Amino acid sequence: MLGMLKGFKDFIMRGNVVDLAVGIVIGAAFTAVVGAFTKAFLEPLIRLVSGGKGVKAGGFTIRGIYFDVPLFINGLITFFLTAATLYFLVVLPMNKLAERRRRGEEPPPAAPSEEVQLLTEIRDALVARRSVPEQVDPRR
């Protein structure tokens, strides 16, 4: 049972699995933000540039079937904004951190405070004292 749990832990701690999970979660959350940005800013901008026709005016019809080109363009914009945000806010910083670790440039851990050092000394003194056998007073 412990071997199986260790194997699962090793699997989860692989870089690719963690990267994938982070990408999916952040991507799903950020998609709503990008959708709102597109609706609030890009669509009005397109309506302004197109003379007020709006985003829906860009499709075409063949044999009575409407092909919604603006919907596809909106999807492309959403995809590229999401991908760019994930890259610049998650992937790039993680890659830089990994590169620093490989080069050994990661800053050393902060030195323990004076209180922690004092408590460590007290603990070590108590452990050393316990390891010395007590001497029995022969007068008792």
N, C-alpha and C. Protein backbone atom coordinates (compact mmCIF):
# COMPACT_ATOMS: atom_id res chain seq x y z
N MET A 1 0.83 -1.19 0.00
CA MET A 1 0.00 0.00 0.00
C MET A 1 0.87 1.26 0.00
N LEU A 2 1.94 1.26 0.83
CA LEU A 2 2.82 2.43 0.89
C LEU A 2 3.55 2.63 -0.43
N GLY A 3 3.92 1.54 -1.07
CA GLY A 3 4.60 1.65 -2.36
C GLY A 3 3.71 2.29 -3.42
N MET A 4 2.43 1.93 -3.36
CA MET A 4 1.49 2.50 -4.31
C MET A 4 1.32 4.00 -4.06
N LEU A 5 1.24 4.40 -2.79
CA LEU A 5 1.11 5.81 -2.46
C LEU A 5 2.37 6.59 -2.86
N LYS A 6 3.54 5.97 -2.68
CA LYS A 6 4.79 6.63 -3.07
C LYS A 6 4.82 6.81 -4.59
N GLY A 7 4.38 5.79 -5.32
CA GLY A 7 4.34 5.89 -6.77
C GLY A 7 3.39 6.98 -7.23
N PHE A 8 2.24 7.09 -6.55
CA PHE A 8 1.27 8.15 -6.89
C PHE A 8 1.87 9.52 -6.60
N LYS A 9 2.55 9.64 -5.46
CA LYS A 9 3.18 10.91 -5.11
C LYS A 9 4.24 11.29 -6.15
N ASP A 10 5.05 10.31 -6.57
CA ASP A 10 6.07 10.58 -7.59
C ASP A 10 5.43 11.04 -8.90
N PHE A 11 4.31 10.39 -9.24
CA PHE A 11 3.60 10.76 -10.47
C PHE A 11 3.08 12.19 -10.39
N ILE A 12 2.47 12.54 -9.28
CA ILE A 12 1.89 13.87 -9.12
C ILE A 12 2.98 14.94 -9.10
N MET A 13 4.13 14.63 -8.51
CA MET A 13 5.18 15.63 -8.36
C MET A 13 6.01 15.83 -9.63
N ARG A 14 5.75 15.06 -10.66
CA ARG A 14 6.45 15.29 -11.92
C ARG A 14 6.11 16.68 -12.42
N GLY A 15 7.06 17.32 -13.03
CA GLY A 15 6.85 18.68 -13.50
C GLY A 15 5.73 18.80 -14.51
N ASN A 16 5.63 17.84 -15.43
CA ASN A 16 4.64 17.94 -16.50
C ASN A 16 3.21 17.89 -15.96
N VAL A 17 2.96 17.03 -14.97
CA VAL A 17 1.61 16.90 -14.43
C VAL A 17 1.21 18.17 -13.71
N VAL A 18 2.12 18.72 -12.92
CA VAL A 18 1.82 19.95 -12.19
C VAL A 18 1.62 21.10 -13.17
N ASP A 19 2.47 21.21 -14.17
CA ASP A 19 2.33 22.26 -15.18
C ASP A 19 0.99 22.15 -15.90
N LEU A 20 0.62 20.93 -16.25
CA LEU A 20 -0.65 20.73 -16.94
C LEU A 20 -1.83 21.12 -16.07
N ALA A 21 -1.80 20.72 -14.81
CA ALA A 21 -2.90 21.06 -13.90
C ALA A 21 -3.01 22.57 -13.72
N VAL A 22 -1.88 23.23 -13.53
CA VAL A 22 -1.89 24.69 -13.37
C VAL A 22 -2.43 25.35 -14.63
N GLY A 23 -1.99 24.89 -15.77
CA GLY A 23 -2.45 25.46 -17.03
C GLY A 23 -3.95 25.31 -17.23
N ILE A 24 -4.48 24.14 -16.89
CA ILE A 24 -5.91 23.90 -17.07
C ILE A 24 -6.72 24.79 -16.13
N VAL A 25 -6.33 24.82 -14.87
CA VAL A 25 -7.10 25.60 -13.89
C VAL A 25 -7.03 27.09 -14.20
N ILE A 26 -5.85 27.59 -14.44
CA ILE A 26 -5.72 29.02 -14.73
C ILE A 26 -6.36 29.36 -16.07
N GLY A 27 -6.20 28.48 -17.03
CA GLY A 27 -6.82 28.72 -18.33
C GLY A 27 -8.34 28.78 -18.25
N ALA A 28 -8.92 27.86 -17.49
CA ALA A 28 -10.37 27.87 -17.34
C ALA A 28 -10.85 29.13 -16.62
N ALA A 29 -10.12 29.52 -15.58
CA ALA A 29 -10.52 30.72 -14.85
C ALA A 29 -10.30 31.97 -15.69
N PHE A 30 -9.24 32.00 -16.44
CA PHE A 30 -8.92 33.20 -17.21
C PHE A 30 -9.80 33.34 -18.45
N THR A 31 -10.35 32.24 -18.92
CA THR A 31 -11.22 32.31 -20.09
C THR A 31 -12.42 33.22 -19.85
N ALA A 32 -12.96 33.19 -18.64
CA ALA A 32 -14.07 34.07 -18.31
C ALA A 32 -13.64 35.54 -18.37
N VAL A 33 -12.44 35.82 -17.90
CA VAL A 33 -11.94 37.20 -17.92
C VAL A 33 -11.73 37.66 -19.37
N VAL A 34 -11.17 36.79 -20.18
CA VAL A 34 -10.94 37.15 -21.58
C VAL A 34 -12.27 37.33 -22.31
N GLY A 35 -13.23 36.47 -22.01
CA GLY A 35 -14.55 36.62 -22.63
C GLY A 35 -15.20 37.95 -22.27
N ALA A 36 -15.09 38.33 -21.02
CA ALA A 36 -15.65 39.62 -20.58
C ALA A 36 -14.90 40.78 -21.24
N PHE A 37 -13.58 40.66 -21.36
CA PHE A 37 -12.79 41.70 -22.02
C PHE A 37 -13.21 41.84 -23.48
N THR A 38 -13.40 40.71 -24.15
CA THR A 38 -13.81 40.74 -25.54
C THR A 38 -15.17 41.39 -25.70
N LYS A 39 -16.11 41.00 -24.82
CA LYS A 39 -17.47 41.54 -24.89
C LYS A 39 -17.49 43.03 -24.55
N ALA A 40 -16.72 43.43 -23.54
CA ALA A 40 -16.78 44.81 -23.07
C ALA A 40 -15.95 45.79 -23.89
N PHE A 41 -14.83 45.34 -24.47
CA PHE A 41 -13.93 46.27 -25.15
C PHE A 41 -13.72 45.97 -26.63
N LEU A 42 -13.48 44.72 -26.98
CA LEU A 42 -13.15 44.43 -28.38
C LEU A 42 -14.37 44.52 -29.29
N GLU A 43 -15.51 43.99 -28.87
CA GLU A 43 -16.70 44.08 -29.71
C GLU A 43 -17.13 45.54 -29.94
N PRO A 44 -17.17 46.39 -28.89
CA PRO A 44 -17.49 47.80 -29.17
C PRO A 44 -16.47 48.47 -30.09
N LEU A 45 -15.20 48.09 -29.94
CA LEU A 45 -14.17 48.66 -30.81
C LEU A 45 -14.40 48.24 -32.26
N ILE A 46 -14.77 46.99 -32.46
CA ILE A 46 -15.05 46.52 -33.82
C ILE A 46 -16.29 47.23 -34.38
N ARG A 47 -17.32 47.42 -33.54
CA ARG A 47 -18.52 48.15 -33.99
C ARG A 47 -18.15 49.59 -34.37
N LEU A 48 -17.26 50.19 -33.59
CA LEU A 48 -16.83 51.56 -33.87
C LEU A 48 -16.10 51.64 -35.21
N VAL A 49 -15.20 50.69 -35.45
CA VAL A 49 -14.41 50.68 -36.69
C VAL A 49 -15.28 50.31 -37.89
N SER A 50 -16.25 49.42 -37.70
CA SER A 50 -17.06 48.96 -38.84
C SER A 50 -18.25 49.87 -39.11
N GLY A 51 -18.32 50.99 -38.45
CA GLY A 51 -19.41 51.93 -38.72
C GLY A 51 -20.71 51.56 -38.04
N GLY A 52 -20.64 50.84 -36.94
CA GLY A 52 -21.83 50.52 -36.16
C GLY A 52 -22.52 49.24 -36.56
N LYS A 53 -21.99 48.51 -37.54
CA LYS A 53 -22.63 47.27 -37.97
C LYS A 53 -22.53 46.18 -36.90
N GLY A 54 -21.47 46.24 -36.16
CA GLY A 54 -21.32 45.26 -35.09
C GLY A 54 -20.55 44.03 -35.52
N VAL A 55 -20.33 43.18 -34.57
CA VAL A 55 -19.54 41.98 -34.79
C VAL A 55 -20.33 40.94 -35.59
N LYS A 56 -21.63 40.93 -35.46
CA LYS A 56 -22.46 39.90 -36.10
C LYS A 56 -22.59 40.13 -37.60
N ALA A 57 -22.16 41.29 -38.09
CA ALA A 57 -22.35 41.61 -39.50
C ALA A 57 -21.29 41.01 -40.41
N GLY A 58 -20.37 40.21 -39.89
CA GLY A 58 -19.27 39.74 -40.70
C GLY A 58 -19.43 38.35 -41.26
N GLY A 59 -20.53 37.67 -40.97
CA GLY A 59 -20.70 36.30 -41.46
C GLY A 59 -21.21 36.29 -42.88
N PHE A 60 -21.35 35.08 -43.40
CA PHE A 60 -21.90 34.94 -44.76
C PHE A 60 -22.79 33.71 -44.79
N THR A 61 -23.63 33.64 -45.82
CA THR A 61 -24.60 32.56 -45.94
C THR A 61 -24.38 31.84 -47.27
N ILE A 62 -24.37 30.52 -47.20
CA ILE A 62 -24.30 29.68 -48.40
C ILE A 62 -25.45 28.69 -48.31
N ARG A 63 -26.33 28.70 -49.32
CA ARG A 63 -27.50 27.81 -49.38
C ARG A 63 -28.31 27.85 -48.09
N GLY A 64 -28.44 29.02 -47.53
CA GLY A 64 -29.27 29.19 -46.35
C GLY A 64 -28.58 28.83 -45.03
N ILE A 65 -27.31 28.49 -45.07
CA ILE A 65 -26.57 28.15 -43.84
C ILE A 65 -25.62 29.30 -43.54
N TYR A 66 -25.75 29.82 -42.31
CA TYR A 66 -24.96 30.98 -41.90
C TYR A 66 -23.62 30.54 -41.33
N PHE A 67 -22.54 31.12 -41.81
CA PHE A 67 -21.19 30.86 -41.31
C PHE A 67 -20.79 32.08 -40.47
N ASP A 68 -20.63 31.86 -39.17
CA ASP A 68 -20.41 32.96 -38.22
C ASP A 68 -18.91 33.24 -38.09
N VAL A 69 -18.38 34.02 -38.99
CA VAL A 69 -16.95 34.37 -38.98
C VAL A 69 -16.58 35.17 -37.73
N PRO A 70 -17.38 36.17 -37.30
CA PRO A 70 -17.01 36.91 -36.08
C PRO A 70 -16.90 36.02 -34.84
N LEU A 71 -17.74 34.99 -34.75
CA LEU A 71 -17.64 34.07 -33.62
C LEU A 71 -16.28 33.36 -33.63
N PHE A 72 -15.83 32.96 -34.81
CA PHE A 72 -14.53 32.31 -34.93
C PHE A 72 -13.40 33.28 -34.58
N ILE A 73 -13.49 34.51 -35.06
CA ILE A 73 -12.47 35.52 -34.74
C ILE A 73 -12.44 35.79 -33.24
N ASN A 74 -13.61 35.86 -32.61
CA ASN A 74 -13.69 36.05 -31.17
C ASN A 74 -13.01 34.88 -30.44
N GLY A 75 -13.23 33.67 -30.92
CA GLY A 75 -12.58 32.50 -30.33
C GLY A 75 -11.07 32.56 -30.47
N LEU A 76 -10.59 33.00 -31.63
CA LEU A 76 -9.14 33.14 -31.83
C LEU A 76 -8.55 34.18 -30.88
N ILE A 77 -9.23 35.32 -30.76
CA ILE A 77 -8.74 36.36 -29.85
C ILE A 77 -8.70 35.84 -28.43
N THR A 78 -9.77 35.15 -28.01
CA THR A 78 -9.81 34.59 -26.65
C THR A 78 -8.68 33.60 -26.44
N PHE A 79 -8.45 32.74 -27.42
CA PHE A 79 -7.38 31.75 -27.30
C PHE A 79 -6.01 32.42 -27.17
N PHE A 80 -5.72 33.37 -28.04
CA PHE A 80 -4.40 34.01 -28.01
C PHE A 80 -4.18 34.83 -26.75
N LEU A 81 -5.21 35.52 -26.28
CA LEU A 81 -5.07 36.26 -25.03
C LEU A 81 -4.85 35.32 -23.85
N THR A 82 -5.58 34.21 -23.82
CA THR A 82 -5.41 33.23 -22.74
C THR A 82 -4.02 32.61 -22.78
N ALA A 83 -3.59 32.21 -23.98
CA ALA A 83 -2.27 31.59 -24.11
C ALA A 83 -1.16 32.56 -23.74
N ALA A 84 -1.27 33.81 -24.17
CA ALA A 84 -0.24 34.80 -23.85
C ALA A 84 -0.19 35.06 -22.35
N THR A 85 -1.33 35.16 -21.72
CA THR A 85 -1.36 35.39 -20.28
C THR A 85 -0.76 34.22 -19.53
N LEU A 86 -1.13 33.01 -19.90
CA LEU A 86 -0.55 31.83 -19.24
C LEU A 86 0.96 31.79 -19.43
N TYR A 87 1.41 32.12 -20.64
CA TYR A 87 2.85 32.07 -20.88
C TYR A 87 3.59 33.10 -20.04
N PHE A 88 3.13 34.34 -20.07
CA PHE A 88 3.87 35.40 -19.41
C PHE A 88 3.71 35.41 -17.89
N LEU A 89 2.59 34.91 -17.37
CA LEU A 89 2.37 34.95 -15.93
C LEU A 89 2.68 33.64 -15.22
N VAL A 90 2.73 32.52 -15.95
CA VAL A 90 2.97 31.23 -15.29
C VAL A 90 4.22 30.55 -15.85
N VAL A 91 4.23 30.29 -17.15
CA VAL A 91 5.30 29.48 -17.74
C VAL A 91 6.65 30.19 -17.69
N LEU A 92 6.71 31.44 -18.12
CA LEU A 92 7.98 32.16 -18.15
C LEU A 92 8.59 32.31 -16.76
N PRO A 93 7.83 32.74 -15.73
CA PRO A 93 8.43 32.81 -14.39
C PRO A 93 8.88 31.45 -13.87
N MET A 94 8.12 30.39 -14.14
CA MET A 94 8.51 29.05 -13.68
C MET A 94 9.79 28.60 -14.39
N ASN A 95 9.91 28.89 -15.67
CA ASN A 95 11.13 28.53 -16.40
C ASN A 95 12.34 29.29 -15.87
N LYS A 96 12.16 30.57 -15.56
CA LYS A 96 13.27 31.35 -15.02
C LYS A 96 13.69 30.83 -13.65
N LEU A 97 12.72 30.45 -12.83
CA LEU A 97 13.02 29.88 -11.53
C LEU A 97 13.75 28.56 -11.67
N ALA A 98 13.30 27.72 -12.58
CA ALA A 98 13.96 26.42 -12.81
C ALA A 98 15.39 26.63 -13.31
N GLU A 99 15.59 27.63 -14.19
CA GLU A 99 16.94 27.91 -14.69
C GLU A 99 17.85 28.39 -13.56
N ARG A 100 17.34 29.22 -12.68
CA ARG A 100 18.14 29.68 -11.54
C ARG A 100 18.52 28.50 -10.65
N ARG A 101 17.60 27.60 -10.45
CA ARG A 101 17.90 26.43 -9.62
C ARG A 101 18.98 25.57 -10.26
N ARG A 102 18.90 25.41 -11.59
CA ARG A 102 19.91 24.60 -12.29
C ARG A 102 21.28 25.25 -12.19
N ARG A 103 21.34 26.58 -12.25
CA ARG A 103 22.63 27.28 -12.18
C ARG A 103 23.10 27.46 -10.75
N GLY A 104 22.25 27.16 -9.80
CA GLY A 104 22.63 27.31 -8.40
C GLY A 104 22.54 28.73 -7.91
N GLU A 105 21.76 29.57 -8.58
CA GLU A 105 21.64 30.96 -8.20
C GLU A 105 20.48 31.22 -7.25
N GLU A 106 19.86 30.17 -6.83
CA GLU A 106 18.74 30.36 -5.92
C GLU A 106 19.26 30.93 -4.62
N PRO A 107 18.63 31.94 -4.09
CA PRO A 107 19.14 32.54 -2.86
C PRO A 107 19.12 31.54 -1.71
N PRO A 108 20.14 31.60 -0.87
CA PRO A 108 20.17 30.65 0.26
C PRO A 108 19.03 30.94 1.21
N PRO A 109 18.61 29.92 1.95
CA PRO A 109 17.53 30.16 2.89
C PRO A 109 17.96 31.17 3.95
N ALA A 110 17.00 31.91 4.45
CA ALA A 110 17.29 32.93 5.46
C ALA A 110 17.81 32.26 6.73
N ALA A 111 18.77 32.92 7.38
CA ALA A 111 19.33 32.38 8.62
C ALA A 111 18.26 32.40 9.70
N PRO A 112 18.27 31.40 10.58
CA PRO A 112 17.25 31.38 11.64
C PRO A 112 17.44 32.58 12.58
N SER A 113 16.35 33.01 13.17
CA SER A 113 16.40 34.16 14.08
C SER A 113 17.16 33.79 15.35
N GLU A 114 17.48 34.80 16.14
CA GLU A 114 18.22 34.57 17.38
C GLU A 114 17.43 33.69 18.34
N GLU A 115 16.11 33.87 18.36
CA GLU A 115 15.28 33.05 19.25
C GLU A 115 15.35 31.58 18.86
N VAL A 116 15.30 31.32 17.56
CA VAL A 116 15.37 29.93 17.09
C VAL A 116 16.74 29.34 17.41
N GLN A 117 17.80 30.12 17.23
CA GLN A 117 19.14 29.63 17.56
C GLN A 117 19.25 29.33 19.04
N LEU A 118 18.72 30.20 19.90
CA LEU A 118 18.76 29.98 21.34
C LEU A 118 17.98 28.73 21.73
N LEU A 119 16.80 28.56 21.16
CA LEU A 119 16.01 27.36 21.46
C LEU A 119 16.72 26.10 20.97
N THR A 120 17.40 26.18 19.85
CA THR A 120 18.15 25.03 19.35
C THR A 120 19.29 24.68 20.31
N GLU A 121 19.97 25.67 20.80
CA GLU A 121 21.06 25.42 21.76
C GLU A 121 20.52 24.79 23.03
N ILE A 122 19.39 25.29 23.53
CA ILE A 122 18.79 24.72 24.74
C ILE A 122 18.40 23.26 24.49
N ARG A 123 17.79 22.99 23.35
CA ARG A 123 17.41 21.61 23.01
C ARG A 123 18.63 20.70 22.96
N ASP A 124 19.68 21.16 22.29
CA ASP A 124 20.89 20.35 22.18
C ASP A 124 21.51 20.10 23.55
N ALA A 125 21.48 21.12 24.43
CA ALA A 125 22.03 20.95 25.78
C ALA A 125 21.22 19.93 26.58
N LEU A 126 19.90 19.98 26.43
CA LEU A 126 19.04 19.01 27.13
C LEU A 126 19.26 17.60 26.61
N VAL A 127 19.43 17.45 25.32
CA VAL A 127 19.69 16.12 24.75
C VAL A 127 21.03 15.60 25.24
N ALA A 128 22.04 16.44 25.28
CA ALA A 128 23.36 16.03 25.75
C ALA A 128 23.31 15.66 27.22
N ARG A 129 22.54 16.38 27.99
CA ARG A 129 22.43 16.10 29.43
C ARG A 129 21.74 14.76 29.67
N ARG A 130 20.73 14.43 28.85
CA ARG A 130 20.04 13.15 29.00
C ARG A 130 20.93 11.97 28.66
N SER A 131 21.87 12.17 27.77
CA SER A 131 22.71 11.06 27.35
C SER A 131 23.78 10.72 28.39
N VAL A 132 24.07 11.62 29.31
CA VAL A 132 25.04 11.34 30.37
C VAL A 132 24.30 10.62 31.50
N PRO A 133 24.78 9.43 31.91
CA PRO A 133 24.07 8.70 32.96
C PRO A 133 24.17 9.45 34.29
N GLU A 134 23.05 9.42 35.01
CA GLU A 134 23.02 10.11 36.31
C GLU A 134 23.87 9.33 37.30
N GLN A 135 24.58 10.06 38.10
CA GLN A 135 25.39 9.42 39.14
C GLN A 135 24.58 9.35 40.40
N VAL A 136 24.61 8.19 41.00
CA VAL A 136 23.85 7.98 42.24
C VAL A 136 24.70 8.44 43.39
N ASP A 137 24.14 9.22 44.28
CA ASP A 137 24.85 9.72 45.44
C ASP A 137 24.95 8.57 46.45
N PRO A 138 26.18 8.15 46.80
CA PRO A 138 26.34 7.00 47.70
C PRO A 138 25.83 7.28 49.12
N ARG A 139 25.66 8.50 49.49
CA ARG A 139 25.19 8.81 50.83
C ARG A 139 23.72 8.51 51.00
N ARG A 140 22.96 8.30 50.00
CA ARG A 140 21.52 8.03 50.12
C ARG A 140 21.25 6.65 50.53
